[in-house]
Amino acid sequence: MAKALASFAISPTGDGYLLMIEDEDGDTIEMTATFEQLDLLAEAVDQQLNGDEEDVLGVEDEE
């Protein structure tokens, strides 16, 4: 079963970024990522949120 996200942090490193993710139980995972990988991640999150925005906010199409 998937665990709930408790927190995350992104820190620059010499050759990319360190991504730290903590779950609801306090377990953490650290991953390194390149600028390009974080950019793809940001685009995927943005695309998903934009697709869900109308449902979450109850916005109706005004056409």
PDB file of N, CA and C in Angstrom:
ATOM      1  N   MET A   1       0.838  -1.164   0.000  1.00  0.00           N
ATOM      2  CA  MET A   1       0.000   0.000   0.000  1.00  0.00           C
ATOM      3  C   MET A   1       0.894   1.241   0.000  1.00  0.00           C
ATOM      4  N   ALA A   2       0.483   2.246  -0.742  1.00  0.00           N
ATOM      5  CA  ALA A   2       1.248   3.479  -0.824  1.00  0.00           C
ATOM      6  C   ALA A   2       1.151   4.254   0.484  1.00  0.00           C
ATOM      7  N   LYS A   3       2.236   4.900   0.857  1.00  0.00           N
ATOM      8  CA  LYS A   3       2.273   5.722   2.059  1.00  0.00           C
ATOM      9  C   LYS A   3       2.042   7.182   1.674  1.00  0.00           C
ATOM     10  N   ALA A   4       1.546   7.954   2.617  1.00  0.00           N
ATOM     11  CA  ALA A   4       1.297   9.376   2.373  1.00  0.00           C
ATOM     12  C   ALA A   4       2.601  10.162   2.467  1.00  0.00           C
ATOM     13  N   LEU A   5       2.706  11.159   1.617  1.00  0.00           N
ATOM     14  CA  LEU A   5       3.854  12.060   1.619  1.00  0.00           C
ATOM     15  C   LEU A   5       3.752  12.978   2.832  1.00  0.00           C
ATOM     16  N   ALA A   6       4.822  13.066   3.606  1.00  0.00           N
ATOM     17  CA  ALA A   6       4.851  13.970   4.759  1.00  0.00           C
ATOM     18  C   ALA A   6       5.589  15.260   4.400  1.00  0.00           C
ATOM     19  N   SER A   7       6.727  15.133   3.712  1.00  0.00           N
ATOM     20  CA  SER A   7       7.477  16.322   3.311  1.00  0.00           C
ATOM     21  C   SER A   7       8.482  15.954   2.227  1.00  0.00           C
ATOM     22  N   PHE A   8       8.962  16.984   1.558  1.00  0.00           N
ATOM     23  CA  PHE A   8      10.044  16.785   0.603  1.00  0.00           C
ATOM     24  C   PHE A   8      10.860  18.063   0.525  1.00  0.00           C
ATOM     25  N   ALA A   9      12.099  17.903   0.089  1.00  0.00           N
ATOM     26  CA  ALA A   9      12.999  19.043  -0.061  1.00  0.00           C
ATOM     27  C   ALA A   9      13.895  18.801  -1.259  1.00  0.00           C
ATOM     28  N   ILE A  10      14.253  19.894  -1.904  1.00  0.00           N
ATOM     29  CA  ILE A  10      15.174  19.833  -3.034  1.00  0.00           C
ATOM     30  C   ILE A  10      16.327  20.776  -2.722  1.00  0.00           C
ATOM     31  N   SER A  11      17.548  20.259  -2.812  1.00  0.00           N
ATOM     32  CA  SER A  11      18.744  21.054  -2.529  1.00  0.00           C
ATOM     33  C   SER A  11      19.712  20.933  -3.688  1.00  0.00           C
ATOM     34  N   PRO A  12      20.309  22.041  -4.096  1.00  0.00           N
ATOM     35  CA  PRO A  12      21.315  21.951  -5.161  1.00  0.00           C
ATOM     36  C   PRO A  12      22.578  21.259  -4.661  1.00  0.00           C
ATOM     37  N   THR A  13      23.194  20.507  -5.538  1.00  0.00           N
ATOM     38  CA  THR A  13      24.486  19.886  -5.263  1.00  0.00           C
ATOM     39  C   THR A  13      25.451  20.371  -6.329  1.00  0.00           C
ATOM     40  N   GLY A  14      26.670  19.928  -6.267  1.00  0.00           N
ATOM     41  CA  GLY A  14      27.665  20.364  -7.238  1.00  0.00           C
ATOM     42  C   GLY A  14      27.326  20.007  -8.667  1.00  0.00           C
ATOM     43  N   ASP A  15      26.670  18.873  -8.870  1.00  0.00           N
ATOM     44  CA  ASP A  15      26.400  18.419 -10.233  1.00  0.00           C
ATOM     45  C   ASP A  15      24.922  18.133 -10.487  1.00  0.00           C
ATOM     46  N   GLY A  16      24.046  18.667  -9.677  1.00  0.00           N
ATOM     47  CA  GLY A  16      22.610  18.428  -9.863  1.00  0.00           C
ATOM     48  C   GLY A  16      21.841  18.830  -8.621  1.00  0.00           C
ATOM     49  N   TYR A  17      20.954  17.957  -8.197  1.00  0.00           N
ATOM     50  CA  TYR A  17      20.087  18.248  -7.061  1.00  0.00           C
ATOM     51  C   TYR A  17      19.914  17.003  -6.198  1.00  0.00           C
ATOM     52  N   LEU A  18      19.690  17.222  -4.911  1.00  0.00           N
ATOM     53  CA  LEU A  18      19.369  16.154  -3.984  1.00  0.00           C
ATOM     54  C   LEU A  18      17.897  16.303  -3.640  1.00  0.00           C
ATOM     55  N   LEU A  19      17.143  15.246  -3.887  1.00  0.00           N
ATOM     56  CA  LEU A  19      15.712  15.209  -3.605  1.00  0.00           C
ATOM     57  C   LEU A  19      15.511  14.330  -2.379  1.00  0.00           C
ATOM     58  N   MET A  20      14.950  14.903  -1.304  1.00  0.00           N
ATOM     59  CA  MET A  20      14.705  14.149  -0.078  1.00  0.00           C
ATOM     60  C   MET A  20      13.205  14.073   0.143  1.00  0.00           C
ATOM     61  N   ILE A  21      12.698  12.856   0.289  1.00  0.00           N
ATOM     62  CA  ILE A  21      11.269  12.617   0.446  1.00  0.00           C
ATOM     63  C   ILE A  21      11.038  11.868   1.759  1.00  0.00           C
ATOM     64  N   GLU A  22      10.107  12.356   2.570  1.00  0.00           N
ATOM     65  CA  GLU A  22       9.768  11.711   3.839  1.00  0.00           C
ATOM     66  C   GLU A  22       8.321  11.246   3.804  1.00  0.00           C
ATOM     67  N   ASP A  23       8.072  10.005   4.261  1.00  0.00           N
ATOM     68  CA  ASP A  23       6.698   9.498   4.284  1.00  0.00           C
ATOM     69  C   ASP A  23       6.078   9.692   5.665  1.00  0.00           C
ATOM     70  N   GLU A  24       4.821   9.294   5.788  1.00  0.00           N
ATOM     71  CA  GLU A  24       4.054   9.494   7.011  1.00  0.00           C
ATOM     72  C   GLU A  24       4.649   8.796   8.234  1.00  0.00           C
ATOM     73  N   ASP A  25       5.466   7.776   8.016  1.00  0.00           N
ATOM     74  CA  ASP A  25       6.092   7.052   9.116  1.00  0.00           C
ATOM     75  C   ASP A  25       7.445   7.636   9.511  1.00  0.00           C
ATOM     76  N   GLY A  26       7.886   8.674   8.807  1.00  0.00           N
ATOM     77  CA  GLY A  26       9.177   9.288   9.097  1.00  0.00           C
ATOM     78  C   GLY A  26      10.330   8.677   8.331  1.00  0.00           C
ATOM     79  N   ASP A  27      10.049   7.684   7.476  1.00  0.00           N
ATOM     80  CA  ASP A  27      11.095   7.084   6.645  1.00  0.00           C
ATOM     81  C   ASP A  27      11.446   8.056   5.528  1.00  0.00           C
ATOM     82  N   THR A  28      12.720   8.189   5.248  1.00  0.00           N
ATOM     83  CA  THR A  28      13.152   9.106   4.192  1.00  0.00           C
ATOM     84  C   THR A  28      13.899   8.358   3.099  1.00  0.00           C
ATOM     85  N   ILE A  29      13.849   8.943   1.922  1.00  0.00           N
ATOM     86  CA  ILE A  29      14.611   8.434   0.790  1.00  0.00           C
ATOM     87  C   ILE A  29      15.294   9.639   0.153  1.00  0.00           C
ATOM     88  N   GLU A  30      16.526   9.467  -0.249  1.00  0.00           N
ATOM     89  CA  GLU A  30      17.283  10.513  -0.912  1.00  0.00           C
ATOM     90  C   GLU A  30      17.637  10.044  -2.314  1.00  0.00           C
ATOM     91  N   MET A  31      17.439  10.934  -3.277  1.00  0.00           N
ATOM     92  CA  MET A  31      17.767  10.633  -4.663  1.00  0.00           C
ATOM     93  C   MET A  31      18.471  11.831  -5.275  1.00  0.00           C
ATOM     94  N   THR A  32      19.386  11.559  -6.175  1.00  0.00           N
ATOM     95  CA  THR A  32      19.986  12.640  -6.939  1.00  0.00           C
ATOM     96  C   THR A  32      19.243  12.763  -8.258  1.00  0.00           C
ATOM     97  N   ALA A  33      19.198  13.975  -8.777  1.00  0.00           N
ATOM     98  CA  ALA A  33      18.514  14.226 -10.044  1.00  0.00           C
ATOM     99  C   ALA A  33      19.249  15.332 -10.790  1.00  0.00           C
ATOM    100  N   THR A  34      19.148  15.285 -12.093  1.00  0.00           N
ATOM    101  CA  THR A  34      19.715  16.344 -12.926  1.00  0.00           C
ATOM    102  C   THR A  34      18.681  17.452 -13.098  1.00  0.00           C
ATOM    103  N   PHE A  35      19.111  18.589 -13.606  1.00  0.00           N
ATOM    104  CA  PHE A  35      18.193  19.684 -13.911  1.00  0.00           C
ATOM    105  C   PHE A  35      17.106  19.197 -14.866  1.00  0.00           C
ATOM    106  N   GLU A  36      17.506  18.441 -15.874  1.00  0.00           N
ATOM    107  CA  GLU A  36      16.556  17.948 -16.871  1.00  0.00           C
ATOM    108  C   GLU A  36      15.514  17.023 -16.238  1.00  0.00           C
ATOM    109  N   GLN A  37      15.936  16.170 -15.315  1.00  0.00           N
ATOM    110  CA  GLN A  37      14.989  15.273 -14.647  1.00  0.00           C
ATOM    111  C   GLN A  37      13.990  16.041 -13.789  1.00  0.00           C
ATOM    112  N   LEU A  38      14.477  17.041 -13.042  1.00  0.00           N
ATOM    113  CA  LEU A  38      13.557  17.855 -12.237  1.00  0.00           C
ATOM    114  C   LEU A  38      12.619  18.656 -13.114  1.00  0.00           C
ATOM    115  N   ASP A  39      13.105  19.120 -14.248  1.00  0.00           N
ATOM    116  CA  ASP A  39      12.253  19.854 -15.181  1.00  0.00           C
ATOM    117  C   ASP A  39      11.142  18.954 -15.715  1.00  0.00           C
ATOM    118  N   LEU A  40      11.458  17.723 -16.069  1.00  0.00           N
ATOM    119  CA  LEU A  40      10.438  16.774 -16.530  1.00  0.00           C
ATOM    120  C   LEU A  40       9.435  16.457 -15.421  1.00  0.00           C
ATOM    121  N   LEU A  41       9.931  16.325 -14.199  1.00  0.00           N
ATOM    122  CA  LEU A  41       9.052  16.074 -13.055  1.00  0.00           C
ATOM    123  C   LEU A  41       8.103  17.252 -12.838  1.00  0.00           C
ATOM    124  N   ALA A  42       8.637  18.458 -12.899  1.00  0.00           N
ATOM    125  CA  ALA A  42       7.810  19.658 -12.725  1.00  0.00           C
ATOM    126  C   ALA A  42       6.747  19.752 -13.811  1.00  0.00           C
ATOM    127  N   GLU A  43       7.110  19.450 -15.042  1.00  0.00           N
ATOM    128  CA  GLU A  43       6.150  19.475 -16.145  1.00  0.00           C
ATOM    129  C   GLU A  43       5.049  18.438 -15.945  1.00  0.00           C
ATOM    130  N   ALA A  44       5.412  17.243 -15.486  1.00  0.00           N
ATOM    131  CA  ALA A  44       4.417  16.193 -15.266  1.00  0.00           C
ATOM    132  C   ALA A  44       3.461  16.569 -14.141  1.00  0.00           C
ATOM    133  N   VAL A  45       3.977  17.146 -13.060  1.00  0.00           N
ATOM    134  CA  VAL A  45       3.124  17.581 -11.949  1.00  0.00           C
ATOM    135  C   VAL A  45       2.192  18.692 -12.422  1.00  0.00           C
ATOM    136  N   ASP A  46       2.729  19.659 -13.130  1.00  0.00           N
ATOM    137  CA  ASP A  46       1.926  20.772 -13.631  1.00  0.00           C
ATOM    138  C   ASP A  46       0.822  20.287 -14.567  1.00  0.00           C
ATOM    139  N   GLN A  47       1.149  19.372 -15.458  1.00  0.00           N
ATOM    140  CA  GLN A  47       0.170  18.828 -16.386  1.00  0.00           C
ATOM    141  C   GLN A  47      -0.945  18.096 -15.637  1.00  0.00           C
ATOM    142  N   GLN A  48      -0.584  17.311 -14.645  1.00  0.00           N
ATOM    143  CA  GLN A  48      -1.581  16.577 -13.867  1.00  0.00           C
ATOM    144  C   GLN A  48      -2.481  17.534 -13.093  1.00  0.00           C
ATOM    145  N   LEU A  49      -1.882  18.521 -12.442  1.00  0.00           N
ATOM    146  CA  LEU A  49      -2.670  19.472 -11.666  1.00  0.00           C
ATOM    147  C   LEU A  49      -3.584  20.313 -12.551  1.00  0.00           C
ATOM    148  N   ASN A  50      -3.094  20.720 -13.705  1.00  0.00           N
ATOM    149  CA  ASN A  50      -3.942  21.479 -14.630  1.00  0.00           C
ATOM    150  C   ASN A  50      -5.127  20.638 -15.095  1.00  0.00           C
ATOM    151  N   GLY A  51      -4.911  19.364 -15.312  1.00  0.00           N
ATOM    152  CA  GLY A  51      -5.986  18.474 -15.729  1.00  0.00           C
ATOM    153  C   GLY A  51      -7.012  18.244 -14.633  1.00  0.00           C
ATOM    154  N   ASP A  52      -6.570  18.283 -13.385  1.00  0.00           N
ATOM    155  CA  ASP A  52      -7.463  18.046 -12.252  1.00  0.00           C
ATOM    156  C   ASP A  52      -8.077  19.323 -11.694  1.00  0.00           C
ATOM    157  N   GLU A  53      -7.589  20.474 -12.108  1.00  0.00           N
ATOM    158  CA  GLU A  53      -7.987  21.757 -11.516  1.00  0.00           C
ATOM    159  C   GLU A  53      -9.488  22.002 -11.556  1.00  0.00           C
ATOM    160  N   GLU A  54     -10.102  21.754 -12.692  1.00  0.00           N
ATOM    161  CA  GLU A  54     -11.543  21.997 -12.808  1.00  0.00           C
ATOM    162  C   GLU A  54     -12.338  21.136 -11.845  1.00  0.00           C
ATOM    163  N   ASP A  55     -11.963  19.877 -11.712  1.00  0.00           N
ATOM    164  CA  ASP A  55     -12.674  18.979 -10.794  1.00  0.00           C
ATOM    165  C   ASP A  55     -12.490  19.408  -9.343  1.00  0.00           C
ATOM    166  N   VAL A  56     -11.269  19.759  -8.974  1.00  0.00           N
ATOM    167  CA  VAL A  56     -10.972  20.112  -7.589  1.00  0.00           C
ATOM    168  C   VAL A  56     -11.629  21.433  -7.200  1.00  0.00           C
ATOM    169  N   LEU A  57     -11.582  22.405  -8.091  1.00  0.00           N
ATOM    170  CA  LEU A  57     -12.120  23.719  -7.780  1.00  0.00           C
ATOM    171  C   LEU A  57     -13.594  23.860  -8.124  1.00  0.00           C
ATOM    172  N   GLY A  58     -14.162  22.861  -8.780  1.00  0.00           N
ATOM    173  CA  GLY A  58     -15.572  22.940  -9.156  1.00  0.00           C
ATOM    174  C   GLY A  58     -15.826  23.977 -10.230  1.00  0.00           C
ATOM    175  N   VAL A  59     -14.852  24.232 -11.074  1.00  0.00           N
ATOM    176  CA  VAL A  59     -14.983  25.206 -12.143  1.00  0.00           C
ATOM    177  C   VAL A  59     -15.771  24.585 -13.287  1.00  0.00           C
ATOM    178  N   GLU A  60     -16.746  25.334 -13.767  1.00  0.00           N
ATOM    179  CA  GLU A  60     -17.534  24.855 -14.894  1.00  0.00           C
ATOM    180  C   GLU A  60     -17.103  25.592 -16.157  1.00  0.00           C
ATOM    181  N   ASP A  61     -17.179  24.909 -17.271  1.00  0.00           N
ATOM    182  CA  ASP A  61     -16.833  25.489 -18.562  1.00  0.00           C
ATOM    183  C   ASP A  61     -17.873  26.555 -18.903  1.00  0.00           C
ATOM    184  N   GLU A  62     -17.416  27.787 -19.259  1.00  0.00           N
ATOM    185  CA  GLU A  62     -18.332  28.892 -19.499  1.00  0.00           C
ATOM    186  C   GLU A  62     -18.702  29.059 -20.961  1.00  0.00           C
ATOM    187  N   GLU A  63     -18.594  28.053 -21.777  1.00  0.00           N
ATOM    188  CA  GLU A  63     -18.917  28.171 -23.203  1.00  0.00           C
ATOM    189  C   GLU A  63     -20.395  28.113 -23.447  1.00  0.00           C
TER     190      GLU A  63
END
